[in-house]
Amino acid sequence: SITGQRAAENPIVGTWDLLADSELGVNQRTLVINPDMTGTYGGGDFDDFPLSDVKLDGNTATMNVTIEAQGFELPSTITLEFDGDTVSGKLDYGQGESTITGKRR
């Protein structure tokens, strides 16, 4: 016979409804993280931009995304702390930061 234990589900996989608060105001965004650690960040007045280099350390995830806004490309780093069905953190776009809060859809 075979015995085993099911691996814990990756806590960051899913669709997350976010609010990004920066000097530009509070904007709704959507973060999608797939089981293979690919995904997108966008929504609201943004397109969906692909994530790269998604890493999880405990409940903290970091990922990179290049946001295109008003003809400019902004290479950005997102750092998020996941706590069950809620998330908080920041998006650093080089010229400033957005504070992010959200919940799993």
PDB file of N, CA and C in Angstrom:
ATOM      1  N   SER A   1       0.836  -1.188   0.000  1.00  0.00           N
ATOM      2  CA  SER A   1       0.000   0.000   0.000  1.00  0.00           C
ATOM      3  C   SER A   1       0.876   1.245   0.000  1.00  0.00           C
ATOM      4  N   ILE A   2       0.272   2.323  -0.420  1.00  0.00           N
ATOM      5  CA  ILE A   2       0.988   3.602  -0.496  1.00  0.00           C
ATOM      6  C   ILE A   2       0.291   4.582   0.431  1.00  0.00           C
ATOM      7  N   THR A   3       1.090   5.281   1.219  1.00  0.00           N
ATOM      8  CA  THR A   3       0.526   6.340   2.051  1.00  0.00           C
ATOM      9  C   THR A   3       1.235   7.629   1.697  1.00  0.00           C
ATOM     10  N   GLY A   4       0.582   8.710   1.916  1.00  0.00           N
ATOM     11  CA  GLY A   4       1.201  10.000   1.601  1.00  0.00           C
ATOM     12  C   GLY A   4       0.378  11.134   2.162  1.00  0.00           C
ATOM     13  N   GLN A   5       0.879  12.316   1.919  1.00  0.00           N
ATOM     14  CA  GLN A   5       0.203  13.518   2.372  1.00  0.00           C
ATOM     15  C   GLN A   5       0.128  14.468   1.198  1.00  0.00           C
ATOM     16  N   ARG A   6      -1.040  15.030   0.982  1.00  0.00           N
ATOM     17  CA  ARG A   6      -1.217  15.957  -0.110  1.00  0.00           C
ATOM     18  C   ARG A   6      -0.415  17.228   0.185  1.00  0.00           C
ATOM     19  N   ALA A   7       0.285  17.712  -0.832  1.00  0.00           N
ATOM     20  CA  ALA A   7       1.060  18.937  -0.661  1.00  0.00           C
ATOM     21  C   ALA A   7       0.126  20.118  -0.449  1.00  0.00           C
ATOM     22  N   ALA A   8       0.543  21.042   0.374  1.00  0.00           N
ATOM     23  CA  ALA A   8      -0.261  22.240   0.614  1.00  0.00           C
ATOM     24  C   ALA A   8      -0.374  23.044  -0.680  1.00  0.00           C
ATOM     25  N   GLU A   9      -1.541  23.585  -0.912  1.00  0.00           N
ATOM     26  CA  GLU A   9      -1.738  24.404  -2.099  1.00  0.00           C
ATOM     27  C   GLU A   9      -0.905  25.676  -1.972  1.00  0.00           C
ATOM     28  N   ASN A  10      -0.370  26.116  -3.088  1.00  0.00           N
ATOM     29  CA  ASN A  10       0.419  27.337  -3.103  1.00  0.00           C
ATOM     30  C   ASN A  10      -0.477  28.500  -2.662  1.00  0.00           C
ATOM     31  N   PRO A  11      -0.105  29.230  -1.600  1.00  0.00           N
ATOM     32  CA  PRO A  11      -1.000  30.247  -1.043  1.00  0.00           C
ATOM     33  C   PRO A  11      -1.204  31.473  -1.935  1.00  0.00           C
ATOM     34  N   ILE A  12      -0.400  31.642  -2.970  1.00  0.00           N
ATOM     35  CA  ILE A  12      -0.533  32.845  -3.790  1.00  0.00           C
ATOM     36  C   ILE A  12      -1.274  32.597  -5.100  1.00  0.00           C
ATOM     37  N   VAL A  13      -1.529  31.325  -5.444  1.00  0.00           N
ATOM     38  CA  VAL A  13      -2.199  31.014  -6.701  1.00  0.00           C
ATOM     39  C   VAL A  13      -3.652  31.474  -6.635  1.00  0.00           C
ATOM     40  N   GLY A  14      -4.082  32.160  -7.681  1.00  0.00           N
ATOM     41  CA  GLY A  14      -5.470  32.604  -7.759  1.00  0.00           C
ATOM     42  C   GLY A  14      -5.584  33.960  -8.400  1.00  0.00           C
ATOM     43  N   THR A  15      -6.789  34.504  -8.327  1.00  0.00           N
ATOM     44  CA  THR A  15      -7.077  35.841  -8.841  1.00  0.00           C
ATOM     45  C   THR A  15      -7.322  36.744  -7.646  1.00  0.00           C
ATOM     46  N   TRP A  16      -6.628  37.865  -7.620  1.00  0.00           N
ATOM     47  CA  TRP A  16      -6.648  38.782  -6.489  1.00  0.00           C
ATOM     48  C   TRP A  16      -7.156  40.148  -6.961  1.00  0.00           C
ATOM     49  N   ASP A  17      -8.150  40.686  -6.265  1.00  0.00           N
ATOM     50  CA  ASP A  17      -8.655  42.030  -6.528  1.00  0.00           C
ATOM     51  C   ASP A  17      -7.890  42.985  -5.625  1.00  0.00           C
ATOM     52  N   LEU A  18      -7.189  43.929  -6.249  1.00  0.00           N
ATOM     53  CA  LEU A  18      -6.286  44.815  -5.516  1.00  0.00           C
ATOM     54  C   LEU A  18      -6.728  46.267  -5.607  1.00  0.00           C
ATOM     55  N   LEU A  19      -6.299  47.056  -4.621  1.00  0.00           N
ATOM     56  CA  LEU A  19      -6.352  48.511  -4.682  1.00  0.00           C
ATOM     57  C   LEU A  19      -4.912  48.999  -4.571  1.00  0.00           C
ATOM     58  N   ALA A  20      -4.486  49.767  -5.566  1.00  0.00           N
ATOM     59  CA  ALA A  20      -3.134  50.340  -5.575  1.00  0.00           C
ATOM     60  C   ALA A  20      -3.258  51.833  -5.291  1.00  0.00           C
ATOM     61  N   ASP A  21      -2.650  52.277  -4.201  1.00  0.00           N
ATOM     62  CA  ASP A  21      -2.754  53.658  -3.732  1.00  0.00           C
ATOM     63  C   ASP A  21      -1.405  54.351  -3.941  1.00  0.00           C
ATOM     64  N   SER A  22      -1.384  55.336  -4.843  1.00  0.00           N
ATOM     65  CA  SER A  22      -0.152  56.088  -5.119  1.00  0.00           C
ATOM     66  C   SER A  22      -0.504  57.562  -5.248  1.00  0.00           C
ATOM     67  N   GLU A  23       0.474  58.378  -5.608  1.00  0.00           N
ATOM     68  CA  GLU A  23       0.216  59.807  -5.785  1.00  0.00           C
ATOM     69  C   GLU A  23      -0.757  60.054  -6.943  1.00  0.00           C
ATOM     70  N   LEU A  24      -1.022  59.032  -7.746  1.00  0.00           N
ATOM     71  CA  LEU A  24      -1.986  59.153  -8.836  1.00  0.00           C
ATOM     72  C   LEU A  24      -3.405  58.813  -8.390  1.00  0.00           C
ATOM     73  N   GLY A  25      -3.568  58.470  -7.127  1.00  0.00           N
ATOM     74  CA  GLY A  25      -4.882  58.122  -6.614  1.00  0.00           C
ATOM     75  C   GLY A  25      -4.969  56.642  -6.290  1.00  0.00           C
ATOM     76  N   VAL A  26      -6.186  56.189  -6.000  1.00  0.00           N
ATOM     77  CA  VAL A  26      -6.432  54.780  -5.690  1.00  0.00           C
ATOM     78  C   VAL A  26      -7.032  54.133  -6.933  1.00  0.00           C
ATOM     79  N   ASN A  27      -6.378  53.066  -7.415  1.00  0.00           N
ATOM     80  CA  ASN A  27      -6.811  52.404  -8.641  1.00  0.00           C
ATOM     81  C   ASN A  27      -7.039  50.922  -8.409  1.00  0.00           C
ATOM     82  N   GLN A  28      -8.094  50.394  -9.025  1.00  0.00           N
ATOM     83  CA  GLN A  28      -8.359  48.964  -8.955  1.00  0.00           C
ATOM     84  C   GLN A  28      -7.439  48.236  -9.920  1.00  0.00           C
ATOM     85  N   ARG A  29      -6.883  47.133  -9.447  1.00  0.00           N
ATOM     86  CA  ARG A  29      -6.016  46.289 -10.266  1.00  0.00           C
ATOM     87  C   ARG A  29      -6.383  44.831 -10.006  1.00  0.00           C
ATOM     88  N   THR A  30      -5.960  43.978 -10.915  1.00  0.00           N
ATOM     89  CA  THR A  30      -6.169  42.543 -10.765  1.00  0.00           C
ATOM     90  C   THR A  30      -4.826  41.843 -10.925  1.00  0.00           C
ATOM     91  N   LEU A  31      -4.536  40.948  -9.995  1.00  0.00           N
ATOM     92  CA  LEU A  31      -3.339  40.120 -10.047  1.00  0.00           C
ATOM     93  C   LEU A  31      -3.791  38.681 -10.244  1.00  0.00           C
ATOM     94  N   VAL A  32      -3.254  38.018 -11.263  1.00  0.00           N
ATOM     95  CA  VAL A  32      -3.554  36.612 -11.511  1.00  0.00           C
ATOM     96  C   VAL A  32      -2.243  35.851 -11.406  1.00  0.00           C
ATOM     97  N   ILE A  33      -2.212  34.832 -10.529  1.00  0.00           N
ATOM     98  CA  ILE A  33      -1.027  33.977 -10.400  1.00  0.00           C
ATOM     99  C   ILE A  33      -1.467  32.547 -10.653  1.00  0.00           C
ATOM    100  N   ASN A  34      -0.856  31.943 -11.669  1.00  0.00           N
ATOM    101  CA  ASN A  34      -1.172  30.578 -12.079  1.00  0.00           C
ATOM    102  C   ASN A  34      -0.325  29.573 -11.308  1.00  0.00           C
ATOM    103  N   PRO A  35      -0.755  28.295 -11.279  1.00  0.00           N
ATOM    104  CA  PRO A  35       0.019  27.271 -10.563  1.00  0.00           C
ATOM    105  C   PRO A  35       1.468  27.146 -11.038  1.00  0.00           C
ATOM    106  N   ASP A  36       1.761  27.482 -12.308  1.00  0.00           N
ATOM    107  CA  ASP A  36       3.138  27.390 -12.812  1.00  0.00           C
ATOM    108  C   ASP A  36       3.937  28.664 -12.542  1.00  0.00           C
ATOM    109  N   MET A  37       3.378  29.557 -11.681  1.00  0.00           N
ATOM    110  CA  MET A  37       4.025  30.805 -11.256  1.00  0.00           C
ATOM    111  C   MET A  37       4.170  31.809 -12.395  1.00  0.00           C
ATOM    112  N   THR A  38       3.299  31.717 -13.407  1.00  0.00           N
ATOM    113  CA  THR A  38       3.164  32.785 -14.393  1.00  0.00           C
ATOM    114  C   THR A  38       1.945  33.592 -13.982  1.00  0.00           C
ATOM    115  N   GLY A  39       1.720  34.716 -14.639  1.00  0.00           N
ATOM    116  CA  GLY A  39       0.530  35.479 -14.316  1.00  0.00           C
ATOM    117  C   GLY A  39       0.547  36.851 -14.944  1.00  0.00           C
ATOM    118  N   THR A  40      -0.419  37.680 -14.503  1.00  0.00           N
ATOM    119  CA  THR A  40      -0.551  39.034 -15.032  1.00  0.00           C
ATOM    120  C   THR A  40      -0.915  40.006 -13.918  1.00  0.00           C
ATOM    121  N   TYR A  41      -0.595  41.278 -14.161  1.00  0.00           N
ATOM    122  CA  TYR A  41      -0.974  42.386 -13.293  1.00  0.00           C
ATOM    123  C   TYR A  41      -1.561  43.461 -14.185  1.00  0.00           C
ATOM    124  N   GLY A  42      -2.712  43.973 -13.821  1.00  0.00           N
ATOM    125  CA  GLY A  42      -3.321  45.028 -14.629  1.00  0.00           C
ATOM    126  C   GLY A  42      -4.725  45.307 -14.183  1.00  0.00           C
ATOM    127  N   GLY A  43      -5.579  45.583 -15.168  1.00  0.00           N
ATOM    128  CA  GLY A  43      -6.963  45.885 -14.870  1.00  0.00           C
ATOM    129  C   GLY A  43      -7.178  47.372 -14.679  1.00  0.00           C
ATOM    130  N   GLY A  44      -8.437  47.752 -14.555  1.00  0.00           N
ATOM    131  CA  GLY A  44      -8.750  49.174 -14.442  1.00  0.00           C
ATOM    132  C   GLY A  44      -8.364  49.874 -15.730  1.00  0.00           C
ATOM    133  N   ASP A  45      -7.569  50.925 -15.631  1.00  0.00           N
ATOM    134  CA  ASP A  45      -7.136  51.671 -16.808  1.00  0.00           C
ATOM    135  C   ASP A  45      -5.856  51.094 -17.421  1.00  0.00           C
ATOM    136  N   PHE A  46      -5.406  49.942 -16.941  1.00  0.00           N
ATOM    137  CA  PHE A  46      -4.202  49.286 -17.464  1.00  0.00           C
ATOM    138  C   PHE A  46      -4.567  48.064 -18.284  1.00  0.00           C
ATOM    139  N   ASP A  47      -3.695  47.716 -19.226  1.00  0.00           N
ATOM    140  CA  ASP A  47      -3.749  46.406 -19.851  1.00  0.00           C
ATOM    141  C   ASP A  47      -3.303  45.385 -18.811  1.00  0.00           C
ATOM    142  N   ASP A  48      -3.387  44.098 -19.154  1.00  0.00           N
ATOM    143  CA  ASP A  48      -2.831  43.055 -18.292  1.00  0.00           C
ATOM    144  C   ASP A  48      -1.398  42.800 -18.735  1.00  0.00           C
ATOM    145  N   PHE A  49      -0.441  43.101 -17.863  1.00  0.00           N
ATOM    146  CA  PHE A  49       0.974  42.952 -18.176  1.00  0.00           C
ATOM    147  C   PHE A  49       1.498  41.656 -17.579  1.00  0.00           C
ATOM    148  N   PRO A  50       2.322  40.910 -18.326  1.00  0.00           N
ATOM    149  CA  PRO A  50       2.818  39.631 -17.817  1.00  0.00           C
ATOM    150  C   PRO A  50       3.794  39.805 -16.655  1.00  0.00           C
ATOM    151  N   LEU A  51       3.664  38.903 -15.675  1.00  0.00           N
ATOM    152  CA  LEU A  51       4.603  38.849 -14.558  1.00  0.00           C
ATOM    153  C   LEU A  51       5.828  38.049 -14.975  1.00  0.00           C
ATOM    154  N   SER A  52       6.966  38.352 -14.353  1.00  0.00           N
ATOM    155  CA  SER A  52       8.163  37.540 -14.546  1.00  0.00           C
ATOM    156  C   SER A  52       8.847  37.356 -13.203  1.00  0.00           C
ATOM    157  N   ASP A  53       9.652  36.306 -13.120  1.00  0.00           N
ATOM    158  CA  ASP A  53      10.493  36.071 -11.949  1.00  0.00           C
ATOM    159  C   ASP A  53       9.687  36.031 -10.651  1.00  0.00           C
ATOM    160  N   VAL A  54       8.544  35.305 -10.666  1.00  0.00           N
ATOM    161  CA  VAL A  54       7.696  35.195  -9.480  1.00  0.00           C
ATOM    162  C   VAL A  54       8.371  34.247  -8.495  1.00  0.00           C
ATOM    163  N   LYS A  55       8.597  34.740  -7.269  1.00  0.00           N
ATOM    164  CA  LYS A  55       9.255  33.930  -6.240  1.00  0.00           C
ATOM    165  C   LYS A  55       8.430  34.008  -4.960  1.00  0.00           C
ATOM    166  N   LEU A  56       8.368  32.889  -4.253  1.00  0.00           N
ATOM    167  CA  LEU A  56       7.649  32.820  -2.988  1.00  0.00           C
ATOM    168  C   LEU A  56       8.617  32.372  -1.904  1.00  0.00           C
ATOM    169  N   ASP A  57       8.681  33.135  -0.811  1.00  0.00           N
ATOM    170  CA  ASP A  57       9.496  32.795   0.345  1.00  0.00           C
ATOM    171  C   ASP A  57       8.579  32.878   1.562  1.00  0.00           C
ATOM    172  N   GLY A  58       8.133  31.723   2.052  1.00  0.00           N
ATOM    173  CA  GLY A  58       7.143  31.721   3.131  1.00  0.00           C
ATOM    174  C   GLY A  58       5.833  32.252   2.584  1.00  0.00           C
ATOM    175  N   ASN A  59       5.323  33.339   3.163  1.00  0.00           N
ATOM    176  CA  ASN A  59       4.100  33.972   2.683  1.00  0.00           C
ATOM    177  C   ASN A  59       4.371  35.272   1.929  1.00  0.00           C
ATOM    178  N   THR A  60       5.653  35.546   1.637  1.00  0.00           N
ATOM    179  CA  THR A  60       6.020  36.759   0.919  1.00  0.00           C
ATOM    180  C   THR A  60       6.417  36.410  -0.507  1.00  0.00           C
ATOM    181  N   ALA A  61       5.791  37.099  -1.455  1.00  0.00           N
ATOM    182  CA  ALA A  61       6.094  36.878  -2.865  1.00  0.00           C
ATOM    183  C   ALA A  61       6.672  38.151  -3.469  1.00  0.00           C
ATOM    184  N   THR A  62       7.631  37.955  -4.356  1.00  0.00           N
ATOM    185  CA  THR A  62       8.144  39.061  -5.162  1.00  0.00           C
ATOM    186  C   THR A  62       7.973  38.685  -6.622  1.00  0.00           C
ATOM    187  N   MET A  63       7.746  39.684  -7.440  1.00  0.00           N
ATOM    188  CA  MET A  63       7.573  39.452  -8.868  1.00  0.00           C
ATOM    189  C   MET A  63       7.893  40.742  -9.606  1.00  0.00           C
ATOM    190  N   ASN A  64       8.256  40.596 -10.855  1.00  0.00           N
ATOM    191  CA  ASN A  64       8.564  41.752 -11.682  1.00  0.00           C
ATOM    192  C   ASN A  64       7.493  41.905 -12.747  1.00  0.00           C
ATOM    193  N   VAL A  65       7.232  43.141 -13.125  1.00  0.00           N
ATOM    194  CA  VAL A  65       6.285  43.448 -14.191  1.00  0.00           C
ATOM    195  C   VAL A  65       6.724  44.765 -14.827  1.00  0.00           C
ATOM    196  N   THR A  66       6.632  44.847 -16.135  1.00  0.00           N
ATOM    197  CA  THR A  66       6.901  46.103 -16.824  1.00  0.00           C
ATOM    198  C   THR A  66       5.561  46.692 -17.236  1.00  0.00           C
ATOM    199  N   ILE A  67       5.237  47.818 -16.631  1.00  0.00           N
ATOM    200  CA  ILE A  67       3.973  48.500 -16.881  1.00  0.00           C
ATOM    201  C   ILE A  67       4.198  49.529 -17.980  1.00  0.00           C
ATOM    202  N   GLU A  68       3.320  49.545 -18.955  1.00  0.00           N
ATOM    203  CA  GLU A  68       3.372  50.571 -19.991  1.00  0.00           C
ATOM    204  C   GLU A  68       2.249  51.553 -19.727  1.00  0.00           C
ATOM    205  N   ALA A  69       2.629  52.809 -19.522  1.00  0.00           N
ATOM    206  CA  ALA A  69       1.642  53.846 -19.236  1.00  0.00           C
ATOM    207  C   ALA A  69       2.041  55.129 -19.951  1.00  0.00           C
ATOM    208  N   GLN A  70       1.121  55.698 -20.696  1.00  0.00           N
ATOM    209  CA  GLN A  70       1.332  56.967 -21.389  1.00  0.00           C
ATOM    210  C   GLN A  70       2.607  56.943 -22.217  1.00  0.00           C
ATOM    211  N   GLY A  71       2.862  55.823 -22.905  1.00  0.00           N
ATOM    212  CA  GLY A  71       4.018  55.716 -23.787  1.00  0.00           C
ATOM    213  C   GLY A  71       5.327  55.393 -23.097  1.00  0.00           C
ATOM    214  N   PHE A  72       5.303  55.210 -21.794  1.00  0.00           N
ATOM    215  CA  PHE A  72       6.521  54.899 -21.040  1.00  0.00           C
ATOM    216  C   PHE A  72       6.462  53.470 -20.525  1.00  0.00           C
ATOM    217  N   GLU A  73       7.623  52.832 -20.476  1.00  0.00           N
ATOM    218  CA  GLU A  73       7.740  51.524 -19.850  1.00  0.00           C
ATOM    219  C   GLU A  73       8.326  51.714 -18.457  1.00  0.00           C
ATOM    220  N   LEU A  74       7.650  51.179 -17.460  1.00  0.00           N
ATOM    221  CA  LEU A  74       8.099  51.293 -16.075  1.00  0.00           C
ATOM    222  C   LEU A  74       8.403  49.909 -15.518  1.00  0.00           C
ATOM    223  N   PRO A  75       9.674  49.477 -15.567  1.00  0.00           N
ATOM    224  CA  PRO A  75      10.018  48.204 -14.925  1.00  0.00           C
ATOM    225  C   PRO A  75       9.732  48.323 -13.428  1.00  0.00           C
ATOM    226  N   SER A  76       8.955  47.389 -12.910  1.00  0.00           N
ATOM    227  CA  SER A  76       8.472  47.494 -11.534  1.00  0.00           C
ATOM    228  C   SER A  76       8.658  46.180 -10.793  1.00  0.00           C
ATOM    229  N   THR A  77       8.767  46.288  -9.474  1.00  0.00           N
ATOM    230  CA  THR A  77       8.842  45.124  -8.602  1.00  0.00           C
ATOM    231  C   THR A  77       7.669  45.174  -7.635  1.00  0.00           C
ATOM    232  N   ILE A  78       6.947  44.052  -7.546  1.00  0.00           N
ATOM    233  CA  ILE A  78       5.835  43.934  -6.622  1.00  0.00           C
ATOM    234  C   ILE A  78       6.280  43.018  -5.482  1.00  0.00           C
ATOM    235  N   THR A  79       6.078  43.457  -4.240  1.00  0.00           N
ATOM    236  CA  THR A  79       6.365  42.652  -3.054  1.00  0.00           C
ATOM    237  C   THR A  79       5.070  42.568  -2.253  1.00  0.00           C
ATOM    238  N   LEU A  80       4.595  41.338  -2.038  1.00  0.00           N
ATOM    239  CA  LEU A  80       3.312  41.139  -1.369  1.00  0.00           C
ATOM    240  C   LEU A  80       3.417  40.117  -0.254  1.00  0.00           C
ATOM    241  N   GLU A  81       2.702  40.387   0.821  1.00  0.00           N
ATOM    242  CA  GLU A  81       2.582  39.469   1.959  1.00  0.00           C
ATOM    243  C   GLU A  81       1.179  38.874   1.909  1.00  0.00           C
ATOM    244  N   PHE A  82       1.108  37.554   1.771  1.00  0.00           N
ATOM    245  CA  PHE A  82      -0.174  36.862   1.670  1.00  0.00           C
ATOM    246  C   PHE A  82      -0.566  36.311   3.032  1.00  0.00           C
ATOM    247  N   ASP A  83      -1.831  36.532   3.417  1.00  0.00           N
ATOM    248  CA  ASP A  83      -2.359  36.054   4.690  1.00  0.00           C
ATOM    249  C   ASP A  83      -3.751  35.479   4.430  1.00  0.00           C
ATOM    250  N   GLY A  84      -3.786  34.191   4.108  1.00  0.00           N
ATOM    251  CA  GLY A  84      -5.063  33.562   3.775  1.00  0.00           C
ATOM    252  C   GLY A  84      -5.633  34.155   2.503  1.00  0.00           C
ATOM    253  N   ASP A  85      -6.798  34.800   2.624  1.00  0.00           N
ATOM    254  CA  ASP A  85      -7.460  35.393   1.465  1.00  0.00           C
ATOM    255  C   ASP A  85      -7.251  36.890   1.356  1.00  0.00           C
ATOM    256  N   THR A  86      -6.270  37.429   2.104  1.00  0.00           N
ATOM    257  CA  THR A  86      -5.948  38.848   1.990  1.00  0.00           C
ATOM    258  C   THR A  86      -4.478  39.010   1.625  1.00  0.00           C
ATOM    259  N   VAL A  87      -4.162  40.169   1.080  1.00  0.00           N
ATOM    260  CA  VAL A  87      -2.799  40.442   0.645  1.00  0.00           C
ATOM    261  C   VAL A  87      -2.512  41.930   0.854  1.00  0.00           C
ATOM    262  N   SER A  88      -1.258  42.249   1.147  1.00  0.00           N
ATOM    263  CA  SER A  88      -0.848  43.647   1.256  1.00  0.00           C
ATOM    264  C   SER A  88       0.616  43.742   0.854  1.00  0.00           C
ATOM    265  N   GLY A  89       1.012  44.919   0.426  1.00  0.00           N
ATOM    266  CA  GLY A  89       2.405  45.113   0.029  1.00  0.00           C
ATOM    267  C   GLY A  89       2.575  46.388  -0.754  1.00  0.00           C
ATOM    268  N   LYS A  90       3.510  46.324  -1.727  1.00  0.00           N
ATOM    269  CA  LYS A  90       3.805  47.534  -2.487  1.00  0.00           C
ATOM    270  C   LYS A  90       4.251  47.185  -3.901  1.00  0.00           C
ATOM    271  N   LEU A  91       4.106  48.159  -4.763  1.00  0.00           N
ATOM    272  CA  LEU A  91       4.643  48.106  -6.111  1.00  0.00           C
ATOM    273  C   LEU A  91       5.636  49.252  -6.225  1.00  0.00           C
ATOM    274  N   ASP A  92       6.882  48.923  -6.498  1.00  0.00           N
ATOM    275  CA  ASP A  92       7.942  49.920  -6.644  1.00  0.00           C
ATOM    276  C   ASP A  92       8.198  50.096  -8.133  1.00  0.00           C
ATOM    277  N   TYR A  93       7.864  51.276  -8.665  1.00  0.00           N
ATOM    278  CA  TYR A  93       8.046  51.519 -10.094  1.00  0.00           C
ATOM    279  C   TYR A  93       9.217  52.442 -10.400  1.00  0.00           C
ATOM    280  N   GLY A  94      10.159  52.510  -9.479  1.00  0.00           N
ATOM    281  CA  GLY A  94      11.394  53.246  -9.725  1.00  0.00           C
ATOM    282  C   GLY A  94      11.287  54.722  -9.406  1.00  0.00           C
ATOM    283  N   GLN A  95      10.197  55.353  -9.824  1.00  0.00           N
ATOM    284  CA  GLN A  95      10.010  56.783  -9.566  1.00  0.00           C
ATOM    285  C   GLN A  95       9.091  57.003  -8.375  1.00  0.00           C
ATOM    286  N   GLY A  96       8.664  55.922  -7.750  1.00  0.00           N
ATOM    287  CA  GLY A  96       7.770  56.007  -6.604  1.00  0.00           C
ATOM    288  C   GLY A  96       7.226  54.636  -6.261  1.00  0.00           C
ATOM    289  N   GLU A  97       6.260  54.619  -5.342  1.00  0.00           N
ATOM    290  CA  GLU A  97       5.671  53.364  -4.894  1.00  0.00           C
ATOM    291  C   GLU A  97       4.160  53.490  -4.806  1.00  0.00           C
ATOM    292  N   SER A  98       3.501  52.372  -5.006  1.00  0.00           N
ATOM    293  CA  SER A  98       2.071  52.243  -4.717  1.00  0.00           C
ATOM    294  C   SER A  98       1.931  51.283  -3.552  1.00  0.00           C
ATOM    295  N   THR A  99       1.060  51.597  -2.608  1.00  0.00           N
ATOM    296  CA  THR A  99       0.706  50.680  -1.537  1.00  0.00           C
ATOM    297  C   THR A  99      -0.435  49.810  -2.042  1.00  0.00           C
ATOM    298  N   ILE A 100      -0.314  48.503  -1.850  1.00  0.00           N
ATOM    299  CA  ILE A 100      -1.297  47.563  -2.369  1.00  0.00           C
ATOM    300  C   ILE A 100      -1.991  46.829  -1.234  1.00  0.00           C
ATOM    301  N   THR A 101      -3.311  46.760  -1.321  1.00  0.00           N
ATOM    302  CA  THR A 101      -4.104  45.899  -0.445  1.00  0.00           C
ATOM    303  C   THR A 101      -5.079  45.149  -1.324  1.00  0.00           C
ATOM    304  N   GLY A 102      -5.528  43.981  -0.867  1.00  0.00           N
ATOM    305  CA  GLY A 102      -6.484  43.257  -1.694  1.00  0.00           C
ATOM    306  C   GLY A 102      -6.953  41.972  -1.050  1.00  0.00           C
ATOM    307  N   LYS A 103      -7.790  41.262  -1.835  1.00  0.00           N
ATOM    308  CA  LYS A 103      -8.333  40.000  -1.371  1.00  0.00           C
ATOM    309  C   LYS A 103      -8.507  39.052  -2.554  1.00  0.00           C
ATOM    310  N   ARG A 104      -8.540  37.768  -2.219  1.00  0.00           N
ATOM    311  CA  ARG A 104      -8.732  36.733  -3.230  1.00  0.00           C
ATOM    312  C   ARG A 104     -10.147  36.824  -3.767  1.00  0.00           C
ATOM    313  N   ARG A 105     -10.275  36.687  -5.077  1.00  0.00           N
ATOM    314  CA  ARG A 105     -11.601  36.721  -5.702  1.00  0.00           C
ATOM    315  C   ARG A 105     -12.348  35.442  -5.447  1.00  0.00           C
TER     316      ARG A 105
END
